[in-house]
């Protein structure tokens, strides 16, 4: 199974796995699964840190490097991803969430999120 982590799931997987649901935790611990986090999430965390809305246990660059060393893959943003945003239903205006939904849809992966808003997008949600 291929998984794409929502930003909060990336943070919880790194620093507080007890926040994850049992199905999400089981899937993330399964070595047969491919786990990815998006550049979109890194961008979101960097902005929220600058605004004082997010506190992380380590500098963001160290967390990213640590997760990559643990086998998580980085999903870049492509033109196809950004164009796919246009085809999403107008659920809300959060640009990070919209682009993550588009990426999950384009890549055909399960999106790991606790956010119920994603049930309104055409993505497979794992929680």
Protein backbone atom coordinates (compact mmCIF):
# COMPACT_ATOMS: atom_id res chain seq x y z
CA UNK A 1 0.00 0.00 0.00
CA UNK A 2 1.21 3.52 -0.76
CA UNK A 3 0.46 6.19 1.84
CA UNK A 4 0.65 9.97 1.82
CA UNK A 5 0.72 11.64 5.22
CA UNK A 6 -1.29 14.73 6.05
CA UNK A 7 0.79 17.39 7.78
CA UNK A 8 -0.52 16.67 11.28
CA UNK A 9 0.05 12.94 10.76
CA UNK A 10 3.65 13.63 9.73
CA UNK A 11 4.13 15.60 12.96
CA UNK A 12 2.46 12.95 15.12
CA UNK A 13 4.39 10.11 13.45
CA UNK A 14 7.59 11.99 14.28
CA UNK A 15 6.88 13.13 17.81
CA UNK A 16 3.65 11.67 19.24
CA UNK A 17 2.54 8.39 17.59
CA UNK A 18 -0.04 7.86 20.36
CA UNK A 19 -2.16 10.49 18.56
CA UNK A 20 -2.55 8.17 15.56
CA UNK A 21 -5.51 5.87 15.11
CA UNK A 22 -4.81 2.15 15.38
CA UNK A 23 -5.39 1.52 11.62
CA UNK A 24 -3.07 4.40 10.73
CA UNK A 25 -0.39 3.23 13.17
CA UNK A 26 -0.60 -0.33 11.88
CA UNK A 27 -0.25 0.83 8.28
CA UNK A 28 2.67 3.13 9.08
CA UNK A 29 4.50 0.36 10.92
CA UNK A 30 4.03 -2.15 8.09
CA UNK A 31 7.38 -2.40 6.24
CA UNK A 32 5.55 -3.52 3.09
CA UNK A 33 3.94 -0.07 2.78
CA UNK A 34 5.51 2.91 1.07
CA UNK A 35 5.14 6.07 3.14
CA UNK A 36 5.49 9.56 1.70
CA UNK A 37 5.13 13.10 2.93
CA UNK A 38 4.66 16.04 0.64
CA UNK A 39 6.76 19.11 0.08
CA UNK A 40 3.41 20.85 0.67
CA UNK A 41 3.51 19.72 4.30
CA UNK A 42 7.06 20.98 4.75
CA UNK A 43 6.00 24.32 3.27
CA UNK A 44 2.96 24.45 5.57
CA UNK A 45 5.05 23.67 8.67
CA UNK A 46 7.69 26.26 7.76
CA UNK A 47 5.05 28.96 7.35
CA UNK A 48 3.22 28.02 10.55
CA UNK A 49 6.50 28.00 12.51
CA UNK A 50 7.33 31.49 11.25
CA UNK A 51 3.87 32.70 12.28
CA UNK A 52 4.27 31.18 15.75
CA UNK A 53 1.39 28.74 15.17
CA UNK A 54 3.51 25.59 15.34
CA UNK A 55 6.17 24.39 17.74
CA UNK A 56 8.25 21.39 16.75
CA UNK A 57 10.62 19.34 18.90
CA UNK A 58 13.55 19.99 16.54
CA UNK A 59 14.32 22.31 13.64
CA UNK A 60 12.20 21.33 10.65
CA UNK A 61 15.22 20.45 8.51
CA UNK A 62 16.34 17.91 11.13
CA UNK A 63 12.89 16.32 11.37
CA UNK A 64 12.71 15.99 7.59
CA UNK A 65 16.21 14.51 7.41
CA UNK A 66 15.39 12.07 10.22
CA UNK A 67 12.21 10.89 8.52
CA UNK A 68 13.98 10.47 5.20
CA UNK A 69 16.66 8.42 6.95
CA UNK A 70 13.83 6.25 8.31
CA UNK A 71 12.65 5.53 4.78
CA UNK A 72 9.91 8.08 4.26
CA UNK A 73 9.81 9.37 0.71
CA UNK A 74 9.38 13.01 -0.26
CA UNK A 75 6.63 13.72 -2.77
CA UNK A 76 7.47 16.83 -4.81
CA UNK A 77 4.80 19.12 -6.20
CA UNK A 78 4.37 18.77 -9.94
CA UNK A 79 2.43 20.70 -12.53
CA UNK A 80 -0.01 17.78 -12.75
CA UNK A 81 -0.69 18.07 -9.00
CA UNK A 82 -1.31 21.79 -9.15
CA UNK A 83 -3.59 21.53 -12.17
CA UNK A 84 -5.58 18.79 -10.43
CA UNK A 85 -6.58 21.27 -7.71
CA UNK A 86 -8.87 22.89 -10.24
CA UNK A 87 -10.95 19.72 -10.49
CA UNK A 88 -11.56 19.39 -6.76
CA UNK A 89 -14.92 20.26 -5.24
CA UNK A 90 -14.95 23.64 -3.46
CA UNK A 91 -14.98 22.12 0.02
CA UNK A 92 -12.91 24.89 1.60
CA UNK A 93 -10.16 27.29 0.66
CA UNK A 94 -7.13 25.91 2.56
CA UNK A 95 -4.47 25.77 -0.16
CA UNK A 96 -2.36 23.20 1.68
CA UNK A 97 -5.25 20.77 2.12
CA UNK A 98 -6.43 21.25 -1.46
CA UNK A 99 -2.99 20.52 -2.89
CA UNK A 100 -2.51 17.49 -0.62
CA UNK A 101 -5.90 16.14 -1.75
CA UNK A 102 -4.92 16.70 -5.37
CA UNK A 103 -1.60 14.90 -4.85
CA UNK A 104 -3.26 11.91 -3.19
CA UNK A 105 -5.78 11.73 -6.00
CA UNK A 106 -3.23 12.06 -8.83
CA UNK A 107 -0.82 9.59 -7.23
CA UNK A 108 -3.59 7.09 -6.40
CA UNK A 109 -2.41 6.70 -2.80
CA UNK A 110 -4.24 6.39 0.51
CA UNK A 111 -4.22 9.70 2.38
CA UNK A 112 -3.55 9.28 6.10
CA UNK A 113 -5.45 11.99 7.96
CA UNK A 114 -7.65 12.57 10.99
CA UNK A 115 -9.24 15.57 9.26
CA UNK A 116 -12.88 14.75 8.39
CA UNK A 117 -12.93 17.40 5.62
CA UNK A 118 -11.09 14.98 3.33
CA UNK A 119 -14.13 12.69 3.21
CA UNK A 120 -15.61 15.35 0.92
CA UNK A 121 -12.70 15.07 -1.54
CA UNK A 122 -12.25 12.28 -4.10
CA UNK A 123 -9.42 10.62 -2.14
CA UNK A 124 -9.07 7.35 -0.26
CA UNK A 125 -8.67 8.23 3.41
CA UNK A 126 -7.01 5.97 5.96
CA UNK A 127 -7.66 6.74 9.58
